[in-house]
Amino acid sequence: ASGIDGIYVGAMAVFTMAKKVGSGLPIRGDWSLNIFNSQAASAYASLGCSGITASLEATLRQIRDMARKSPCPVEAVVEGRVEMMVTESCVISSFAGNGKKKGCPNVCQGGAYALRDRRDEDFPVATDQYCRNHILNSRDLDMAPYYKDLVRAGIAAIRIEGRGRSPKWLAEQVARYRRLCDGTETLVLGKEDQTVTRGHFFHGIL
């Protein structure tokens, strides 16, 4: 009734919830299901997914193989500050609060927080309503220069991760990829930009 186009399912329990609701809305398997191959894609398609999002840790080669064999369209996250891990332990409360969820003074609402590693890279920490911490990458994923490779891989949809970003940033990125899709802009690869990351598209973990 609210005009929602579809539902992203990021956990198995949501399949059950969606089935109970019986809304008839299209369901897409989200990246948090860690779909690495066409067998996993087929399994989620059998559960009712009309499309799936490849794992953020999948390489372009793995996504290409998945797209070729998957019974449903494959999407990939190609832009934005992507999530690296989720923790039930609140690192913000440990350092700036009382270290406990019960009676927490909600210091996370008072500013921006990040974890800094030994290389002085800052990884933003986002919180949710369940007091979980979502650790984001220190650098933006940017696959725009490899747009033609994404197309050749058979990726059906590209996705921009806009969590915590301004409407202006989102508009700029959507317009940028729209131009690439329409063929009105062509990016020439030069020296790799050291301020961004290509994620696991070229150097996977498996």
Protein backbone atom coordinates (compact mmCIF):
# COMPACT_ATOMS: atom_id res chain seq x y z
CA ALA A 1 0.00 0.00 0.00
CA SER A 2 2.96 2.33 0.59
CA GLY A 3 4.33 1.78 -2.90
CA ILE A 4 7.40 -0.29 -1.99
CA ASP A 5 8.87 -1.98 -5.09
CA GLY A 6 10.43 -4.97 -3.35
CA ILE A 7 12.21 -6.41 -0.32
CA TYR A 8 15.90 -7.15 0.20
CA VAL A 9 16.31 -10.26 2.33
CA GLY A 10 19.50 -10.28 4.40
CA ALA A 11 18.76 -13.16 6.78
CA MET A 12 16.97 -16.49 6.51
CA ALA A 13 14.31 -15.48 9.04
CA VAL A 14 13.06 -12.76 6.70
CA PHE A 15 12.00 -15.37 4.13
CA THR A 16 9.61 -16.79 6.72
CA MET A 17 8.35 -13.33 7.64
CA ALA A 18 7.76 -12.37 4.01
CA LYS A 19 5.91 -15.62 3.39
CA LYS A 20 3.65 -15.02 6.38
CA VAL A 21 2.86 -11.49 5.24
CA GLY A 22 2.13 -12.77 1.75
CA SER A 23 2.51 -9.32 0.24
CA GLY A 24 3.42 -10.52 -3.23
CA LEU A 25 6.33 -8.06 -3.37
CA PRO A 26 9.44 -9.19 -5.27
CA ILE A 27 12.17 -10.54 -2.97
CA ARG A 28 15.88 -10.11 -3.66
CA GLY A 29 18.65 -11.89 -1.77
CA ASP A 30 20.93 -9.27 -0.22
CA TRP A 31 24.75 -9.32 -0.06
CA SER A 32 24.70 -10.30 3.63
CA LEU A 33 23.57 -13.81 2.59
CA ASN A 34 27.16 -14.25 1.29
CA ILE A 35 26.20 -15.66 -2.10
CA PHE A 36 29.44 -16.72 -3.79
CA ASN A 37 28.37 -19.08 -6.57
CA SER A 38 25.55 -20.18 -8.86
CA GLN A 39 24.59 -23.09 -6.58
CA ALA A 40 23.87 -20.66 -3.77
CA ALA A 41 22.04 -18.40 -6.23
CA SER A 42 19.90 -21.35 -7.34
CA ALA A 43 19.12 -22.24 -3.73
CA TYR A 44 17.87 -18.74 -2.98
CA ALA A 45 15.96 -18.60 -6.27
CA SER A 46 14.13 -21.74 -5.14
CA LEU A 47 13.15 -19.86 -1.97
CA GLY A 48 11.47 -17.21 -4.08
CA CYS A 49 14.21 -14.67 -4.87
CA SER A 50 13.67 -12.81 -8.12
CA GLY A 51 17.29 -11.65 -7.99
CA ILE A 52 20.37 -11.87 -5.79
CA THR A 53 23.20 -9.57 -4.76
CA ALA A 54 26.66 -11.11 -4.88
CA SER A 55 28.69 -11.26 -1.69
CA LEU A 56 30.87 -8.20 -1.10
CA GLU A 57 33.80 -10.61 -0.86
CA ALA A 58 33.22 -12.20 -4.27
CA THR A 59 35.69 -11.50 -7.08
CA LEU A 60 34.68 -10.30 -10.52
CA ARG A 61 35.57 -13.75 -11.86
CA GLN A 62 33.31 -15.44 -9.33
CA ILE A 63 30.48 -13.02 -10.10
CA ARG A 64 30.93 -13.64 -13.84
CA ASP A 65 30.63 -17.40 -13.32
CA MET A 66 27.64 -16.89 -11.05
CA ALA A 67 25.86 -14.63 -13.54
CA ARG A 68 26.39 -17.12 -16.36
CA LYS A 69 24.80 -20.02 -14.45
CA SER A 70 22.36 -18.33 -12.06
CA PRO A 71 18.63 -18.83 -12.72
CA CYS A 72 17.97 -15.24 -11.58
CA PRO A 73 19.65 -11.87 -12.25
CA VAL A 74 22.81 -11.04 -10.30
CA GLU A 75 23.42 -7.62 -8.78
CA ALA A 76 26.70 -6.23 -7.42
CA VAL A 77 27.55 -3.40 -5.03
CA VAL A 78 30.01 -1.22 -6.96
CA GLU A 79 30.14 2.11 -5.15
CA GLY A 80 30.15 3.53 -1.63
CA ARG A 81 31.40 2.82 1.88
CA VAL A 82 30.70 -0.89 2.28
CA GLU A 83 30.31 -2.86 5.48
CA MET A 84 33.20 -5.06 6.62
CA MET A 85 31.78 -6.63 9.77
CA VAL A 86 29.03 -6.48 12.40
CA THR A 87 29.63 -6.88 16.12
CA GLU A 88 27.20 -7.27 19.02
CA SER A 89 29.80 -5.67 21.31
CA CYS A 90 29.59 -1.89 21.23
CA VAL A 91 33.10 -0.52 20.83
CA ILE A 92 31.79 3.03 21.27
CA SER A 93 30.30 2.26 24.68
CA SER A 94 33.50 0.45 25.69
CA PHE A 95 35.57 3.60 25.17
CA ALA A 96 33.12 6.47 25.67
CA GLY A 97 30.21 4.97 27.62
CA ASN A 98 29.75 2.59 30.51
CA GLY A 99 30.61 -0.57 28.58
CA LYS A 100 27.10 -1.99 28.95
CA LYS A 101 24.00 -1.95 26.77
CA LYS A 102 21.66 -1.65 29.76
CA GLY A 103 21.55 1.93 30.96
CA CYS A 104 23.79 3.09 28.11
CA PRO A 105 24.04 6.92 27.90
CA ASN A 106 23.76 6.67 24.08
CA VAL A 107 27.04 8.41 23.40
CA CYS A 108 26.85 7.06 19.83
CA GLN A 109 24.16 9.67 19.11
CA GLY A 110 26.48 12.53 19.96
CA GLY A 111 28.99 12.33 17.15
CA ALA A 112 30.89 10.26 14.60
CA TYR A 113 33.15 7.41 15.67
CA ALA A 114 35.74 5.26 13.93
CA LEU A 115 38.32 2.56 14.63
CA ARG A 116 41.92 3.42 13.65
CA ASP A 117 44.29 0.63 12.64
CA ARG A 118 48.08 0.42 12.76
CA ARG A 119 48.30 2.12 9.35
CA ASP A 120 46.28 5.11 10.59
CA GLU A 121 43.29 4.13 8.45
CA ASP A 122 39.96 5.15 10.01
CA PHE A 123 37.07 2.69 9.76
CA PRO A 124 33.72 4.41 10.52
CA VAL A 125 31.48 2.75 13.11
CA ALA A 126 27.73 2.94 12.48
CA THR A 127 25.17 1.81 15.06
CA ASP A 128 21.64 0.48 14.66
CA GLN A 129 18.55 0.32 16.87
CA TYR A 130 19.75 -2.99 18.36
CA CYS A 131 23.05 -1.49 19.56
CA ARG A 132 25.05 -3.47 17.04
CA ASN A 133 28.16 -1.89 15.54
CA HIS A 134 28.62 -1.93 11.77
CA ILE A 135 32.28 -1.43 10.85
CA LEU A 136 32.60 0.24 7.44
CA ASN A 137 35.58 0.26 5.10
CA SER A 138 38.08 3.08 5.52
CA ARG A 139 37.84 3.87 1.81
CA ASP A 140 35.06 4.14 -0.71
CA LEU A 141 34.54 1.30 -3.14
CA ASP A 142 34.70 2.74 -6.68
CA MET A 143 34.28 0.45 -9.68
CA ALA A 144 33.22 3.15 -12.16
CA PRO A 145 36.50 2.93 -14.17
CA TYR A 146 35.76 -0.79 -14.65
CA TYR A 147 32.15 -0.33 -15.75
CA LYS A 148 32.71 -2.17 -19.04
CA ASP A 149 34.19 -5.13 -17.13
CA LEU A 150 31.06 -5.21 -14.97
CA VAL A 151 28.89 -5.32 -18.09
CA ARG A 152 31.00 -8.04 -19.68
CA ALA A 153 30.67 -10.08 -16.47
CA GLY A 154 26.92 -10.24 -17.04
CA ILE A 155 25.96 -8.24 -13.95
CA ALA A 156 22.29 -7.33 -14.34
CA ALA A 157 22.20 -4.42 -11.89
CA ILE A 158 24.75 -2.22 -10.17
CA ARG A 159 24.14 -0.92 -6.68
CA ILE A 160 25.38 2.16 -4.86
CA GLU A 161 25.77 1.88 -1.08
CA GLY A 162 24.59 5.22 0.26
CA ARG A 163 24.43 4.57 3.99
CA GLY A 164 25.13 7.78 5.88
CA ARG A 165 25.65 9.80 2.70
CA SER A 166 24.03 13.07 1.77
CA PRO A 167 21.35 13.38 -0.92
CA LYS A 168 23.87 15.43 -2.91
CA TRP A 169 26.45 12.62 -2.88
CA LEU A 170 23.82 10.08 -3.89
CA ALA A 171 22.60 12.27 -6.74
CA GLU A 172 26.15 12.72 -8.04
CA GLN A 173 26.92 8.99 -7.98
CA VAL A 174 23.61 7.97 -9.56
CA ALA A 175 24.13 10.56 -12.31
CA ARG A 176 27.70 9.33 -12.82
CA TYR A 177 26.68 5.71 -13.31
CA ARG A 178 23.66 6.74 -15.36
CA ARG A 179 26.02 8.42 -17.83
CA LEU A 180 28.14 5.27 -17.95
CA CYS A 181 25.03 3.14 -18.56
CA ASP A 182 23.86 5.47 -21.32
CA GLY A 183 27.30 5.60 -22.93
CA THR A 184 27.54 9.39 -22.60
CA GLU A 185 30.61 9.15 -20.38
CA THR A 186 33.70 7.00 -20.81
CA LEU A 187 36.33 6.68 -18.10
CA VAL A 188 39.90 6.10 -19.23
CA LEU A 189 41.96 4.03 -16.83
CA GLY A 190 45.12 5.73 -15.69
CA LYS A 191 47.10 5.47 -12.49
CA GLU A 192 45.00 3.77 -9.81
CA ASP A 193 43.39 6.17 -7.35
CA GLN A 194 44.92 5.42 -3.95
CA THR A 195 42.09 7.15 -2.08
CA VAL A 196 39.53 4.50 -3.04
CA THR A 197 39.34 0.71 -3.04
CA ARG A 198 38.29 -1.90 -5.60
CA GLY A 199 37.15 -4.16 -2.77
CA HIS A 200 37.55 -7.85 -3.52
CA PHE A 201 36.71 -7.57 -7.22
CA PHE A 202 40.30 -8.34 -8.22
CA HIS A 203 41.83 -9.79 -5.06
CA GLY A 204 39.41 -12.13 -3.34
CA ILE A 205 39.61 -13.92 -0.03
CA LEU A 206 38.99 -17.46 -1.31
